[in-house]
Amino acid sequence: MMSTTIEVTDASFQTEVLASPVLTITDLWAEWCGPCKRIAPLLEEIATDFAGQIKITKLDVDANPGVPGQYGVMGIPTLLVFNGGMLVETIVGFMPKDRLLGKILPHLSVA
């Protein structure tokens, strides 16, 4: 199965995330981060459930320090939620899918 999430880098962040026409969530993660691995399948599900409405991107913080620095990210996993290029929500740490959706979906209705 093809992944429904899109890998982004410091270089592609502007195009893939900030210029995205749909609500875009960037998952800041790293290979060594346990909670990051636990939240990843939930994000895949959300990307599938809301295909065309929500775009999920993943940024490896070890390889791409620019974006986390720009947004003052201190710990991972951190999800940055962007709407029309603006940061509208920051979600820190692992949480169940229903709580994630509770924080994400209000931004969909505004879009």
Protein backbone atom coordinates (compact mmCIF):
# COMPACT_ATOMS: atom_id res chain seq x y z
CA MET A 1 0.00 0.00 0.00
CA MET A 2 1.30 3.41 -0.92
CA SER A 3 1.76 5.80 1.96
CA THR A 4 -0.84 8.54 2.11
CA THR A 5 1.58 10.87 3.87
CA ILE A 6 4.11 12.98 2.00
CA GLU A 7 7.74 13.35 3.08
CA VAL A 8 8.80 17.00 3.12
CA THR A 9 12.14 18.68 3.72
CA ASP A 10 13.23 22.18 4.72
CA ALA A 11 13.57 22.82 0.96
CA SER A 12 10.11 21.54 -0.09
CA PHE A 13 8.22 22.85 2.95
CA GLN A 14 7.21 26.14 1.31
CA THR A 15 5.75 24.42 -1.76
CA GLU A 16 4.21 21.32 -0.14
CA VAL A 17 2.89 22.88 3.07
CA LEU A 18 2.66 26.66 3.05
CA ALA A 19 1.40 26.85 -0.54
CA SER A 20 -1.01 23.92 -0.12
CA PRO A 21 -4.63 24.68 -1.05
CA VAL A 22 -5.96 22.26 1.60
CA LEU A 23 -5.58 22.00 5.37
CA THR A 24 -2.08 20.60 5.84
CA ILE A 25 -0.61 18.89 8.87
CA THR A 26 3.14 18.51 9.19
CA ASP A 27 4.27 15.70 11.49
CA LEU A 28 7.69 16.53 12.92
CA TRP A 29 9.30 13.20 13.76
CA ALA A 30 12.57 11.26 14.03
CA GLU A 31 13.56 7.62 13.55
CA TRP A 32 14.49 7.21 17.25
CA CYS A 33 11.20 8.64 18.58
CA GLY A 34 8.82 5.99 19.99
CA PRO A 35 5.68 8.18 20.26
CA CYS A 36 6.31 9.33 16.66
CA LYS A 37 6.03 5.71 15.50
CA ARG A 38 2.77 5.33 17.47
CA ILE A 39 1.14 8.44 16.01
CA ALA A 40 2.17 7.69 12.38
CA PRO A 41 -0.56 5.07 11.66
CA LEU A 42 -3.22 7.43 13.08
CA LEU A 43 -2.06 10.13 10.68
CA GLU A 44 -2.18 7.66 7.79
CA GLU A 45 -5.81 6.90 8.73
CA ILE A 46 -6.70 10.59 8.93
CA ALA A 47 -5.03 11.20 5.54
CA THR A 48 -7.14 8.39 4.05
CA ASP A 49 -10.39 9.34 5.81
CA PHE A 50 -10.10 12.98 4.73
CA ALA A 51 -8.41 12.54 1.33
CA GLY A 52 -8.73 15.75 -0.66
CA GLN A 53 -9.54 17.76 2.48
CA ILE A 54 -6.50 17.18 4.68
CA LYS A 55 -2.93 16.70 3.52
CA ILE A 56 -0.50 15.01 5.91
CA THR A 57 3.20 15.70 5.53
CA LYS A 58 6.13 14.32 7.52
CA LEU A 59 9.36 16.13 8.27
CA ASP A 60 12.38 14.32 9.75
CA VAL A 61 13.75 16.79 12.33
CA ASP A 62 17.23 15.24 12.32
CA ALA A 63 17.64 15.78 8.57
CA ASN A 64 15.71 19.09 8.46
CA PRO A 65 16.42 21.38 11.42
CA GLY A 66 15.19 24.54 9.68
CA VAL A 67 11.42 24.15 9.97
CA PRO A 68 11.40 23.00 13.63
CA GLY A 69 13.66 25.94 14.48
CA GLN A 70 11.45 28.36 12.59
CA TYR A 71 8.39 27.28 14.58
CA GLY A 72 10.15 26.90 17.94
CA VAL A 73 9.54 23.16 18.18
CA MET A 74 11.17 21.71 21.31
CA GLY A 75 9.88 18.12 21.42
CA ILE A 76 8.50 15.51 19.09
CA PRO A 77 6.14 14.35 17.91
CA THR A 78 4.80 17.80 17.14
CA LEU A 79 2.06 18.32 14.57
CA LEU A 80 1.89 21.73 12.93
CA VAL A 81 -1.52 22.44 11.38
CA PHE A 82 -1.53 24.95 8.52
CA ASN A 83 -4.50 26.54 6.80
CA GLY A 84 -3.78 28.82 3.84
CA GLY A 85 -0.10 28.97 4.78
CA MET A 86 -0.85 30.10 8.34
CA LEU A 87 -0.05 28.03 11.42
CA VAL A 88 -3.44 27.51 13.09
CA GLU A 89 -2.68 24.77 15.62
CA THR A 90 0.29 23.08 17.26
CA ILE A 91 -0.28 19.63 18.72
CA VAL A 92 2.51 18.26 20.92
CA GLY A 93 2.93 14.63 21.91
CA PHE A 94 1.03 11.44 21.23
CA MET A 95 -2.75 11.39 21.58
CA PRO A 96 -5.56 9.07 20.47
CA LYS A 97 -7.17 9.62 17.07
CA ASP A 98 -10.40 11.10 18.48
CA ARG A 99 -8.45 13.75 20.40
CA LEU A 100 -6.35 14.50 17.33
CA LEU A 101 -9.46 14.96 15.21
CA GLY A 102 -10.96 17.15 17.94
CA LYS A 103 -8.06 19.56 17.43
CA ILE A 104 -7.84 19.28 13.64
CA LEU A 105 -11.42 19.23 12.38
CA PRO A 106 -12.49 22.67 13.64
CA HIS A 107 -9.97 24.12 11.16
CA LEU A 108 -11.61 22.23 8.28
CA SER A 109 -14.91 24.07 8.69
CA VAL A 110 -13.08 27.40 8.51
CA ALA A 111 -11.28 26.45 5.29
